[in-house]
Amino acid sequence: MIRTLYIDELNELRTCDSPYDMEGTAKWLWVDLSEPTTHENLLLSQYFHFHPLSIEDAVSVRQRPKYKEYDDYLFFVFHAIDLKTMLPEEIDVFINSSMVVTYHKEHSEEVDKVWNSVICKRANEKLTTAEVMYRTLDAIVDNYFPFVYELEDKVFSFEDQHSVDISTEELIEETFDLREDLLIIRRTVLPMKDLVYRLLEGRIMELSKKQKIFLHHINDHLVKQAEMIDSSREMTADIRDNYISLNSFKMNNIMKILTIYSVIFMPLTLIAGIYGMNFDVMPELHWKYGYLAVWLLMIGISLGMIYYFKKKKWF
């Protein structure tokens, strides 16, 4: 789908489907290509005459958040996050002082939000292509927060969810699933944070004071999100390590108890083995009190070993 929004010679805001349908000359225009067809993609080359490499980046290959500078326009790649799958969605922006073109293969709620706000903008307010881009960027960044907060809540409630007995394998699997989600968000937020920082430092575009304030606002959000993600990743690592340590501690206690039982029964097994041999001539074999004496000996050895282990504080 193609939709066009433009300012005419009388400073009136108008909309139409294709830029070919505009009436008169536009002071500036915004063309949005949402889920475009192959035929609609031709608008990038036949109407705007964008560089083939930027068209290829937008149409063919999924890119990381970045920018490229061409002769008469700038090309940006932003990443939004899908509300259902939590996967990044690419939003490409072609921009100069008189036009902005947004291109996205999936429907974008962020672009819709900015589009509707621009249409409702008062006629006496000044509107620039840069402002359209920054508003789109702000909407994209703000939409990260629900995912970041959701993952943070999962981390904080992790202990409560696992207050019941659970196997270490299940716990480690759930922890790694959570860390994988955090990694997906992190791979989106950090490149966007770097891109906004470069914008803020004036390395890409000349910024007015108002634009710098706006970008500072976006950058603060990205910094906060990055810190929350890193904190959540550290907490999941601590939870994983704590459960592994606790499991190891429980296993060591079990092994210690089993070892103590084994050590206690070793001399008893030796005595039983000796007097269980099938020989007729053996000391005390036919002694009247031999059975009682062996029992007393084994009980005495067991109690002595238990007393020794207690004294050494082995259990």
C-alpha atoms as a PDB file:
ATOM      1  CA  MET A   1       0.000   0.000   0.000  1.00  0.00           C
ATOM      2  CA  ILE A   2       1.204   3.502  -0.863  1.00  0.00           C
ATOM      3  CA  ARG A   3      -0.049   6.649   0.820  1.00  0.00           C
ATOM      4  CA  THR A   4       1.177  10.203   0.385  1.00  0.00           C
ATOM      5  CA  LEU A   5       1.035  13.273   2.590  1.00  0.00           C
ATOM      6  CA  TYR A   6       2.314  16.641   1.378  1.00  0.00           C
ATOM      7  CA  ILE A   7       2.318  20.415   1.900  1.00  0.00           C
ATOM      8  CA  ASP A   8       1.135  22.360  -1.138  1.00  0.00           C
ATOM      9  CA  GLU A   9       1.997  25.918  -2.248  1.00  0.00           C
ATOM     10  CA  LEU A  10      -0.644  27.348   0.101  1.00  0.00           C
ATOM     11  CA  ASN A  11       0.908  25.551   3.122  1.00  0.00           C
ATOM     12  CA  GLU A  12      -2.100  23.263   3.319  1.00  0.00           C
ATOM     13  CA  LEU A  13      -1.681  19.651   4.363  1.00  0.00           C
ATOM     14  CA  ARG A  14      -3.022  17.237   1.760  1.00  0.00           C
ATOM     15  CA  THR A  15      -3.147  13.470   1.321  1.00  0.00           C
ATOM     16  CA  CYS A  16      -3.418  11.168  -1.669  1.00  0.00           C
ATOM     17  CA  ASP A  17      -2.531   7.639  -2.642  1.00  0.00           C
ATOM     18  CA  SER A  18       0.442   7.964  -4.963  1.00  0.00           C
ATOM     19  CA  PRO A  19       2.812  10.923  -5.364  1.00  0.00           C
ATOM     20  CA  TYR A  20       1.743  10.875  -9.032  1.00  0.00           C
ATOM     21  CA  ASP A  21      -1.702  12.002  -7.827  1.00  0.00           C
ATOM     22  CA  MET A  22      -0.492  15.205  -6.131  1.00  0.00           C
ATOM     23  CA  GLU A  23      -2.057  18.482  -7.220  1.00  0.00           C
ATOM     24  CA  GLY A  24       0.505  21.149  -8.029  1.00  0.00           C
ATOM     25  CA  THR A  25       3.963  21.339  -6.528  1.00  0.00           C
ATOM     26  CA  ALA A  26       4.686  20.071  -3.023  1.00  0.00           C
ATOM     27  CA  LYS A  27       6.907  22.013  -0.624  1.00  0.00           C
ATOM     28  CA  TRP A  28       7.656  18.697   0.974  1.00  0.00           C
ATOM     29  CA  LEU A  29       6.042  15.290   1.002  1.00  0.00           C
ATOM     30  CA  TRP A  30       5.935  12.083   3.001  1.00  0.00           C
ATOM     31  CA  VAL A  31       5.381   8.844   1.125  1.00  0.00           C
ATOM     32  CA  ASP A  32       4.763   5.690   3.141  1.00  0.00           C
ATOM     33  CA  LEU A  33       5.146   2.274   1.521  1.00  0.00           C
ATOM     34  CA  SER A  34       3.567  -0.342   3.773  1.00  0.00           C
ATOM     35  CA  GLU A  35       3.808  -3.993   2.778  1.00  0.00           C
ATOM     36  CA  PRO A  36       4.568  -2.898  -0.790  1.00  0.00           C
ATOM     37  CA  THR A  37       4.177  -5.102  -3.824  1.00  0.00           C
ATOM     38  CA  THR A  38       6.899  -5.583  -6.429  1.00  0.00           C
ATOM     39  CA  HIS A  39       5.151  -3.056  -8.657  1.00  0.00           C
ATOM     40  CA  GLU A  40       4.949  -0.509  -5.835  1.00  0.00           C
ATOM     41  CA  ASN A  41       8.678  -0.942  -5.174  1.00  0.00           C
ATOM     42  CA  LEU A  42       9.337   0.604  -8.579  1.00  0.00           C
ATOM     43  CA  LEU A  43       8.330   3.964  -7.102  1.00  0.00           C
ATOM     44  CA  LEU A  44      11.688   4.088  -5.306  1.00  0.00           C
ATOM     45  CA  SER A  45      13.628   4.005  -8.549  1.00  0.00           C
ATOM     46  CA  GLN A  46      11.264   5.479 -11.159  1.00  0.00           C
ATOM     47  CA  TYR A  47       9.866   8.415  -9.179  1.00  0.00           C
ATOM     48  CA  PHE A  48      12.469   9.206  -6.502  1.00  0.00           C
ATOM     49  CA  HIS A  49      15.499   7.852  -8.400  1.00  0.00           C
ATOM     50  CA  PHE A  50      17.149   6.555  -5.248  1.00  0.00           C
ATOM     51  CA  HIS A  51      20.533   4.909  -5.471  1.00  0.00           C
ATOM     52  CA  PRO A  52      20.253   1.191  -6.378  1.00  0.00           C
ATOM     53  CA  LEU A  53      22.274   0.170  -3.309  1.00  0.00           C
ATOM     54  CA  SER A  54      19.867   1.890  -0.910  1.00  0.00           C
ATOM     55  CA  ILE A  55      16.910   0.340  -2.741  1.00  0.00           C
ATOM     56  CA  GLU A  56      18.550  -3.064  -2.460  1.00  0.00           C
ATOM     57  CA  ASP A  57      19.127  -2.564   1.276  1.00  0.00           C
ATOM     58  CA  ALA A  58      15.472  -1.655   1.749  1.00  0.00           C
ATOM     59  CA  VAL A  59      13.866  -4.247  -0.521  1.00  0.00           C
ATOM     60  CA  SER A  60      16.085  -7.305  -0.510  1.00  0.00           C
ATOM     61  CA  VAL A  61      18.206  -7.700   2.603  1.00  0.00           C
ATOM     62  CA  ARG A  62      17.425  -7.271   6.299  1.00  0.00           C
ATOM     63  CA  GLN A  63      19.927  -4.792   7.683  1.00  0.00           C
ATOM     64  CA  ARG A  64      21.086  -3.792  11.134  1.00  0.00           C
ATOM     65  CA  PRO A  65      20.149  -0.276  12.326  1.00  0.00           C
ATOM     66  CA  LYS A  66      22.440   2.055  10.394  1.00  0.00           C
ATOM     67  CA  TYR A  67      22.617   5.030   8.063  1.00  0.00           C
ATOM     68  CA  LYS A  68      24.188   5.785   4.694  1.00  0.00           C
ATOM     69  CA  GLU A  69      24.785   9.139   3.096  1.00  0.00           C
ATOM     70  CA  TYR A  70      24.087   9.582  -0.606  1.00  0.00           C
ATOM     71  CA  ASP A  71      24.381  12.635  -2.864  1.00  0.00           C
ATOM     72  CA  ASP A  72      21.036  14.285  -2.138  1.00  0.00           C
ATOM     73  CA  TYR A  73      19.489  12.235   0.675  1.00  0.00           C
ATOM     74  CA  LEU A  74      20.203  10.122   3.740  1.00  0.00           C
ATOM     75  CA  PHE A  75      19.163   6.509   4.155  1.00  0.00           C
ATOM     76  CA  PHE A  76      18.335   5.168   7.639  1.00  0.00           C
ATOM     77  CA  VAL A  77      17.493   1.692   8.857  1.00  0.00           C
ATOM     78  CA  PHE A  78      15.467   1.533  12.090  1.00  0.00           C
ATOM     79  CA  HIS A  79      14.274  -1.563  13.925  1.00  0.00           C
ATOM     80  CA  ALA A  80      10.860  -1.750  15.541  1.00  0.00           C
ATOM     81  CA  ILE A  81       9.707  -4.788  17.513  1.00  0.00           C
ATOM     82  CA  ASP A  82       6.786  -6.965  16.498  1.00  0.00           C
ATOM     83  CA  LEU A  83       4.084  -6.897  19.171  1.00  0.00           C
ATOM     84  CA  LYS A  84       3.396 -10.635  18.894  1.00  0.00           C
ATOM     85  CA  THR A  85       6.670 -12.349  18.010  1.00  0.00           C
ATOM     86  CA  MET A  86       9.110  -9.949  19.758  1.00  0.00           C
ATOM     87  CA  LEU A  87      11.243 -10.078  16.619  1.00  0.00           C
ATOM     88  CA  PRO A  88      12.728  -6.959  15.001  1.00  0.00           C
ATOM     89  CA  GLU A  89      10.939  -5.372  12.061  1.00  0.00           C
ATOM     90  CA  GLU A  90      12.873  -3.151   9.693  1.00  0.00           C
ATOM     91  CA  ILE A  91      11.675   0.368   8.906  1.00  0.00           C
ATOM     92  CA  ASP A  92      13.713   2.164   6.234  1.00  0.00           C
ATOM     93  CA  VAL A  93      13.708   5.939   5.854  1.00  0.00           C
ATOM     94  CA  PHE A  94      14.887   7.977   2.863  1.00  0.00           C
ATOM     95  CA  ILE A  95      15.091  11.644   3.820  1.00  0.00           C
ATOM     96  CA  ASN A  96      16.227  15.090   2.697  1.00  0.00           C
ATOM     97  CA  SER A  97      14.891  18.576   3.366  1.00  0.00           C
ATOM     98  CA  SER A  98      11.950  18.237   0.955  1.00  0.00           C
ATOM     99  CA  MET A  99      10.872  14.618   1.202  1.00  0.00           C
ATOM    100  CA  VAL A 100      10.751  11.627   3.506  1.00  0.00           C
ATOM    101  CA  VAL A 101       9.961   8.095   2.376  1.00  0.00           C
ATOM    102  CA  THR A 102       9.235   5.351   4.899  1.00  0.00           C
ATOM    103  CA  TYR A 103       9.433   1.764   3.702  1.00  0.00           C
ATOM    104  CA  HIS A 104       8.453  -1.306   5.751  1.00  0.00           C
ATOM    105  CA  LYS A 105       7.553  -4.816   4.650  1.00  0.00           C
ATOM    106  CA  GLU A 106       5.245  -5.353   7.641  1.00  0.00           C
ATOM    107  CA  HIS A 107       2.442  -3.161   8.892  1.00  0.00           C
ATOM    108  CA  SER A 108       3.877  -0.649  11.363  1.00  0.00           C
ATOM    109  CA  GLU A 109       1.806   0.735  14.228  1.00  0.00           C
ATOM    110  CA  GLU A 110       4.584   3.237  14.957  1.00  0.00           C
ATOM    111  CA  VAL A 111       4.376   4.746  11.469  1.00  0.00           C
ATOM    112  CA  ASP A 112       0.572   4.794  11.676  1.00  0.00           C
ATOM    113  CA  LYS A 113       0.753   6.655  14.978  1.00  0.00           C
ATOM    114  CA  VAL A 114       3.026   9.348  13.535  1.00  0.00           C
ATOM    115  CA  TRP A 115       1.013   9.537  10.303  1.00  0.00           C
ATOM    116  CA  ASN A 116      -2.215  10.199  12.214  1.00  0.00           C
ATOM    117  CA  SER A 117      -0.540  12.758  14.479  1.00  0.00           C
ATOM    118  CA  VAL A 118       0.816  14.667  11.462  1.00  0.00           C
ATOM    119  CA  ILE A 119      -2.607  14.740   9.808  1.00  0.00           C
ATOM    120  CA  CYS A 120      -4.095  16.142  13.023  1.00  0.00           C
ATOM    121  CA  LYS A 121      -1.323  18.729  13.335  1.00  0.00           C
ATOM    122  CA  ARG A 122      -2.478  22.355  13.398  1.00  0.00           C
ATOM    123  CA  ALA A 123      -2.007  24.240  10.160  1.00  0.00           C
ATOM    124  CA  ASN A 124      -0.030  27.055  11.786  1.00  0.00           C
ATOM    125  CA  GLU A 125       2.591  24.673  13.155  1.00  0.00           C
ATOM    126  CA  LYS A 126       5.778  24.259  11.192  1.00  0.00           C
ATOM    127  CA  LEU A 127       6.437  20.759   9.960  1.00  0.00           C
ATOM    128  CA  THR A 128       9.673  19.385   8.540  1.00  0.00           C
ATOM    129  CA  THR A 129      10.771  16.061   7.153  1.00  0.00           C
ATOM    130  CA  ALA A 130      13.289  15.762   9.992  1.00  0.00           C
ATOM    131  CA  GLU A 131      10.493  16.100  12.530  1.00  0.00           C
ATOM    132  CA  VAL A 132       8.585  13.296  10.822  1.00  0.00           C
ATOM    133  CA  MET A 133      11.644  11.050  11.048  1.00  0.00           C
ATOM    134  CA  TYR A 134      12.318  11.910  14.710  1.00  0.00           C
ATOM    135  CA  ARG A 135       8.693  11.309  15.652  1.00  0.00           C
ATOM    136  CA  THR A 136       8.840   7.928  13.935  1.00  0.00           C
ATOM    137  CA  LEU A 137      12.064   7.121  15.753  1.00  0.00           C
ATOM    138  CA  ASP A 138      10.532   8.201  19.075  1.00  0.00           C
ATOM    139  CA  ALA A 139       7.476   5.988  18.512  1.00  0.00           C
ATOM    140  CA  ILE A 140       9.729   3.029  17.690  1.00  0.00           C
ATOM    141  CA  VAL A 141      11.846   3.505  20.819  1.00  0.00           C
ATOM    142  CA  ASP A 142       8.832   4.027  23.092  1.00  0.00           C
ATOM    143  CA  ASN A 143       7.405   0.738  21.842  1.00  0.00           C
ATOM    144  CA  TYR A 144      10.452  -1.093  23.246  1.00  0.00           C
ATOM    145  CA  PHE A 145       9.386  -0.362  26.819  1.00  0.00           C
ATOM    146  CA  PRO A 146       6.503  -2.889  27.081  1.00  0.00           C
ATOM    147  CA  PHE A 147       8.846  -5.711  26.060  1.00  0.00           C
ATOM    148  CA  VAL A 148      11.650  -4.575  28.356  1.00  0.00           C
ATOM    149  CA  TYR A 149       9.261  -4.205  31.311  1.00  0.00           C
ATOM    150  CA  GLU A 150       7.674  -7.581  30.589  1.00  0.00           C
ATOM    151  CA  LEU A 151      11.032  -9.350  30.573  1.00  0.00           C
ATOM    152  CA  GLU A 152      12.115  -7.505  33.719  1.00  0.00           C
ATOM    153  CA  ASP A 153       8.917  -8.616  35.477  1.00  0.00           C
ATOM    154  CA  LYS A 154       9.616 -12.209  34.448  1.00  0.00           C
ATOM    155  CA  VAL A 155      13.078 -11.956  35.956  1.00  0.00           C
ATOM    156  CA  PHE A 156      11.798 -10.484  39.243  1.00  0.00           C
ATOM    157  CA  SER A 157       9.060 -13.117  39.550  1.00  0.00           C
ATOM    158  CA  PHE A 158      11.382 -15.959  38.593  1.00  0.00           C
ATOM    159  CA  GLU A 159      12.102 -16.982  42.185  1.00  0.00           C
ATOM    160  CA  ASP A 160       8.409 -16.993  43.134  1.00  0.00           C
ATOM    161  CA  GLN A 161       7.528 -19.097  40.119  1.00  0.00           C
ATOM    162  CA  HIS A 162      10.112 -21.679  41.155  1.00  0.00           C
ATOM    163  CA  SER A 163       9.369 -21.833  44.872  1.00  0.00           C
ATOM    164  CA  VAL A 164       8.117 -25.382  44.296  1.00  0.00           C
ATOM    165  CA  ASP A 165      10.456 -28.232  43.513  1.00  0.00           C
ATOM    166  CA  ILE A 166      11.709 -28.189  39.960  1.00  0.00           C
ATOM    167  CA  SER A 167      14.446 -30.107  38.254  1.00  0.00           C
ATOM    168  CA  THR A 168      17.656 -28.284  37.471  1.00  0.00           C
ATOM    169  CA  GLU A 169      17.325 -29.145  33.787  1.00  0.00           C
ATOM    170  CA  GLU A 170      13.901 -27.478  33.554  1.00  0.00           C
ATOM    171  CA  LEU A 171      15.113 -24.438  35.450  1.00  0.00           C
ATOM    172  CA  ILE A 172      18.226 -24.005  33.316  1.00  0.00           C
ATOM    173  CA  GLU A 173      16.101 -24.373  30.160  1.00  0.00           C
ATOM    174  CA  GLU A 174      13.661 -21.665  31.298  1.00  0.00           C
ATOM    175  CA  THR A 175      16.538 -19.396  32.297  1.00  0.00           C
ATOM    176  CA  PHE A 176      18.177 -19.732  28.905  1.00  0.00           C
ATOM    177  CA  ASP A 177      14.834 -19.054  27.160  1.00  0.00           C
ATOM    178  CA  LEU A 178      14.546 -15.839  29.144  1.00  0.00           C
ATOM    179  CA  ARG A 179      18.131 -14.866  28.344  1.00  0.00           C
ATOM    180  CA  GLU A 180      17.471 -15.545  24.660  1.00  0.00           C
ATOM    181  CA  ASP A 181      14.543 -13.102  24.709  1.00  0.00           C
ATOM    182  CA  LEU A 182      16.744 -10.524  26.437  1.00  0.00           C
ATOM    183  CA  LEU A 183      19.425 -11.061  23.813  1.00  0.00           C
ATOM    184  CA  ILE A 184      16.929 -10.444  20.995  1.00  0.00           C
ATOM    185  CA  ILE A 185      15.864  -7.143  22.573  1.00  0.00           C
ATOM    186  CA  ARG A 186      19.470  -6.222  23.286  1.00  0.00           C
ATOM    187  CA  ARG A 187      20.469  -6.781  19.650  1.00  0.00           C
ATOM    188  CA  THR A 188      17.786  -4.278  18.691  1.00  0.00           C
ATOM    189  CA  VAL A 189      18.266  -1.649  21.384  1.00  0.00           C
ATOM    190  CA  LEU A 190      22.057  -1.305  21.381  1.00  0.00           C
ATOM    191  CA  PRO A 191      22.496  -0.615  17.624  1.00  0.00           C
ATOM    192  CA  MET A 192      19.607   1.856  17.793  1.00  0.00           C
ATOM    193  CA  LYS A 193      21.261   3.501  20.795  1.00  0.00           C
ATOM    194  CA  ASP A 194      24.519   3.853  18.860  1.00  0.00           C
ATOM    195  CA  LEU A 195      22.681   5.303  15.844  1.00  0.00           C
ATOM    196  CA  VAL A 196      20.829   7.885  17.961  1.00  0.00           C
ATOM    197  CA  TYR A 197      24.054   8.841  19.724  1.00  0.00           C
ATOM    198  CA  ARG A 198      25.709   9.506  16.375  1.00  0.00           C
ATOM    199  CA  LEU A 199      22.714  11.611  15.366  1.00  0.00           C
ATOM    200  CA  LEU A 200      22.891  13.486  18.647  1.00  0.00           C
ATOM    201  CA  GLU A 201      26.573  14.246  18.222  1.00  0.00           C
ATOM    202  CA  GLY A 202      25.854  15.828  14.860  1.00  0.00           C
ATOM    203  CA  ARG A 203      27.900  13.294  12.943  1.00  0.00           C
ATOM    204  CA  ILE A 204      25.055  12.600  10.517  1.00  0.00           C
ATOM    205  CA  MET A 205      22.748  15.613  10.310  1.00  0.00           C
ATOM    206  CA  GLU A 206      22.896  19.246  11.352  1.00  0.00           C
ATOM    207  CA  LEU A 207      20.483  19.616  14.269  1.00  0.00           C
ATOM    208  CA  SER A 208      18.581  22.556  15.628  1.00  0.00           C
ATOM    209  CA  LYS A 209      18.293  23.141  19.374  1.00  0.00           C
ATOM    210  CA  LYS A 210      14.741  21.764  19.350  1.00  0.00           C
ATOM    211  CA  GLN A 211      15.849  18.641  17.492  1.00  0.00           C
ATOM    212  CA  LYS A 212      18.716  18.073  19.923  1.00  0.00           C
ATOM    213  CA  ILE A 213      16.309  18.249  22.861  1.00  0.00           C
ATOM    214  CA  PHE A 214      14.054  15.748  21.115  1.00  0.00           C
ATOM    215  CA  LEU A 215      16.952  13.391  20.394  1.00  0.00           C
ATOM    216  CA  HIS A 216      18.204  13.693  23.985  1.00  0.00           C
ATOM    217  CA  HIS A 217      14.781  12.471  25.060  1.00  0.00           C
ATOM    218  CA  ILE A 218      15.005   9.459  22.714  1.00  0.00           C
ATOM    219  CA  ASN A 219      18.594   8.739  23.741  1.00  0.00           C
ATOM    220  CA  ASP A 220      17.657   8.793  27.444  1.00  0.00           C
ATOM    221  CA  HIS A 221      14.986   6.183  26.772  1.00  0.00           C
ATOM    222  CA  LEU A 222      17.444   3.957  24.926  1.00  0.00           C
ATOM    223  CA  VAL A 223      20.041   4.298  27.697  1.00  0.00           C
ATOM    224  CA  LYS A 224      17.430   3.339  30.296  1.00  0.00           C
ATOM    225  CA  GLN A 225      16.296   0.355  28.217  1.00  0.00           C
ATOM    226  CA  ALA A 226      19.875  -0.835  27.689  1.00  0.00           C
ATOM    227  CA  GLU A 227      20.569  -0.605  31.431  1.00  0.00           C
ATOM    228  CA  MET A 228      17.380  -2.527  32.258  1.00  0.00           C
ATOM    229  CA  ILE A 229      18.272  -5.242  29.752  1.00  0.00           C
ATOM    230  CA  ASP A 230      21.833  -5.601  31.061  1.00  0.00           C
ATOM    231  CA  SER A 231      20.550  -5.689  34.636  1.00  0.00           C
ATOM    232  CA  SER A 232      18.022  -8.393  33.759  1.00  0.00           C
ATOM    233  CA  ARG A 233      20.715 -10.440  32.002  1.00  0.00           C
ATOM    234  CA  GLU A 234      22.940 -10.216  35.065  1.00  0.00           C
ATOM    235  CA  MET A 235      20.070 -11.271  37.308  1.00  0.00           C
ATOM    236  CA  THR A 236      19.251 -14.290  35.143  1.00  0.00           C
ATOM    237  CA  ALA A 237      22.931 -15.268  35.236  1.00  0.00           C
ATOM    238  CA  ASP A 238      22.903 -14.943  39.043  1.00  0.00           C
ATOM    239  CA  ILE A 239      19.690 -16.982  39.300  1.00  0.00           C
ATOM    240  CA  ARG A 240      21.166 -19.688  37.090  1.00  0.00           C
ATOM    241  CA  ASP A 241      24.433 -19.787  39.042  1.00  0.00           C
ATOM    242  CA  ASN A 242      22.599 -19.799  42.390  1.00  0.00           C
ATOM    243  CA  TYR A 243      20.424 -22.738  41.385  1.00  0.00           C
ATOM    244  CA  ILE A 244      23.417 -24.653  40.067  1.00  0.00           C
ATOM    245  CA  SER A 245      25.266 -23.960  43.323  1.00  0.00           C
ATOM    246  CA  LEU A 246      22.231 -24.985  45.382  1.00  0.00           C
ATOM    247  CA  ASN A 247      21.851 -28.162  43.373  1.00  0.00           C
ATOM    248  CA  SER A 248      25.548 -28.928  43.815  1.00  0.00           C
ATOM    249  CA  PHE A 249      25.219 -28.294  47.557  1.00  0.00           C
ATOM    250  CA  LYS A 250      22.266 -30.703  47.807  1.00  0.00           C
ATOM    251  CA  MET A 251      24.147 -33.279  45.772  1.00  0.00           C
ATOM    252  CA  ASN A 252      27.218 -32.936  47.982  1.00  0.00           C
ATOM    253  CA  ASN A 253      25.072 -33.501  51.091  1.00  0.00           C
ATOM    254  CA  ILE A 254      23.549 -36.594  49.551  1.00  0.00           C
ATOM    255  CA  MET A 255      26.971 -37.923  48.562  1.00  0.00           C
ATOM    256  CA  LYS A 256      28.301 -37.158  52.054  1.00  0.00           C
ATOM    257  CA  ILE A 257      25.498 -39.113  53.740  1.00  0.00           C
ATOM    258  CA  LEU A 258      25.877 -42.030  51.333  1.00  0.00           C
ATOM    259  CA  THR A 259      29.633 -42.027  51.879  1.00  0.00           C
ATOM    260  CA  ILE A 260      29.203 -42.074  55.674  1.00  0.00           C
ATOM    261  CA  TYR A 261      26.813 -45.022  55.411  1.00  0.00           C
ATOM    262  CA  SER A 262      29.229 -46.810  53.106  1.00  0.00           C
ATOM    263  CA  VAL A 263      32.193 -46.223  55.433  1.00  0.00           C
ATOM    264  CA  ILE A 264      30.206 -47.457  58.457  1.00  0.00           C
ATOM    265  CA  PHE A 265      29.143 -50.649  56.699  1.00  0.00           C
ATOM    266  CA  MET A 266      32.587 -51.419  55.264  1.00  0.00           C
ATOM    267  CA  PRO A 267      34.021 -52.995  58.493  1.00  0.00           C
ATOM    268  CA  LEU A 268      30.667 -54.668  59.166  1.00  0.00           C
ATOM    269  CA  THR A 269      30.723 -56.198  55.708  1.00  0.00           C
ATOM    270  CA  LEU A 270      34.307 -57.320  56.330  1.00  0.00           C
ATOM    271  CA  ILE A 271      33.367 -59.082  59.568  1.00  0.00           C
ATOM    272  CA  ALA A 272      30.297 -60.674  58.001  1.00  0.00           C
ATOM    273  CA  GLY A 273      32.388 -61.755  55.019  1.00  0.00           C
ATOM    274  CA  ILE A 274      35.051 -63.373  57.179  1.00  0.00           C
ATOM    275  CA  TYR A 275      32.641 -65.324  59.357  1.00  0.00           C
ATOM    276  CA  GLY A 276      30.497 -66.199  56.380  1.00  0.00           C
ATOM    277  CA  MET A 277      33.267 -68.259  54.761  1.00  0.00           C
ATOM    278  CA  ASN A 278      32.594 -72.014  54.521  1.00  0.00           C
ATOM    279  CA  PHE A 279      35.446 -73.366  56.669  1.00  0.00           C
ATOM    280  CA  ASP A 280      35.034 -75.867  59.505  1.00  0.00           C
ATOM    281  CA  VAL A 281      38.117 -74.823  61.434  1.00  0.00           C
ATOM    282  CA  MET A 282      37.865 -71.151  62.341  1.00  0.00           C
ATOM    283  CA  PRO A 283      38.436 -69.310  65.629  1.00  0.00           C
ATOM    284  CA  GLU A 284      35.234 -68.739  67.649  1.00  0.00           C
ATOM    285  CA  LEU A 285      33.222 -70.549  64.968  1.00  0.00           C
ATOM    286  CA  HIS A 286      31.710 -72.996  67.460  1.00  0.00           C
ATOM    287  CA  TRP A 287      31.926 -70.678  70.456  1.00  0.00           C
ATOM    288  CA  LYS A 288      28.669 -70.473  72.412  1.00  0.00           C
ATOM    289  CA  TYR A 289      28.685 -66.658  72.604  1.00  0.00           C
ATOM    290  CA  GLY A 290      30.269 -66.045  69.188  1.00  0.00           C
ATOM    291  CA  TYR A 291      27.076 -64.735  67.553  1.00  0.00           C
ATOM    292  CA  LEU A 292      26.444 -62.234  70.368  1.00  0.00           C
ATOM    293  CA  ALA A 293      30.081 -61.171  70.422  1.00  0.00           C
ATOM    294  CA  VAL A 294      30.088 -60.419  66.673  1.00  0.00           C
ATOM    295  CA  TRP A 295      26.912 -58.340  67.035  1.00  0.00           C
ATOM    296  CA  LEU A 296      28.378 -56.374  69.926  1.00  0.00           C
ATOM    297  CA  LEU A 297      31.575 -55.840  67.966  1.00  0.00           C
ATOM    298  CA  MET A 298      29.736 -54.540  64.898  1.00  0.00           C
ATOM    299  CA  ILE A 299      27.485 -52.256  66.973  1.00  0.00           C
ATOM    300  CA  GLY A 300      30.500 -50.917  68.840  1.00  0.00           C
ATOM    301  CA  ILE A 301      32.381 -50.205  65.602  1.00  0.00           C
ATOM    302  CA  SER A 302      29.338 -48.417  64.140  1.00  0.00           C
ATOM    303  CA  LEU A 303      28.778 -46.243  67.215  1.00  0.00           C
ATOM    304  CA  GLY A 304      32.469 -45.442  67.409  1.00  0.00           C
ATOM    305  CA  MET A 305      32.595 -44.316  63.799  1.00  0.00           C
ATOM    306  CA  ILE A 306      29.426 -42.211  64.197  1.00  0.00           C
ATOM    307  CA  TYR A 307      30.938 -40.527  67.290  1.00  0.00           C
ATOM    308  CA  TYR A 308      34.162 -39.846  65.374  1.00  0.00           C
ATOM    309  CA  PHE A 309      32.300 -38.320  62.401  1.00  0.00           C
ATOM    310  CA  LYS A 310      30.248 -36.148  64.748  1.00  0.00           C
ATOM    311  CA  LYS A 311      33.368 -34.951  66.520  1.00  0.00           C
ATOM    312  CA  LYS A 312      34.922 -34.008  63.153  1.00  0.00           C
ATOM    313  CA  LYS A 313      31.621 -32.246  62.243  1.00  0.00           C
ATOM    314  CA  TRP A 314      31.349 -34.159  59.008  1.00  0.00           C
ATOM    315  CA  PHE A 315      27.583 -34.259  59.441  1.00  0.00           C
END
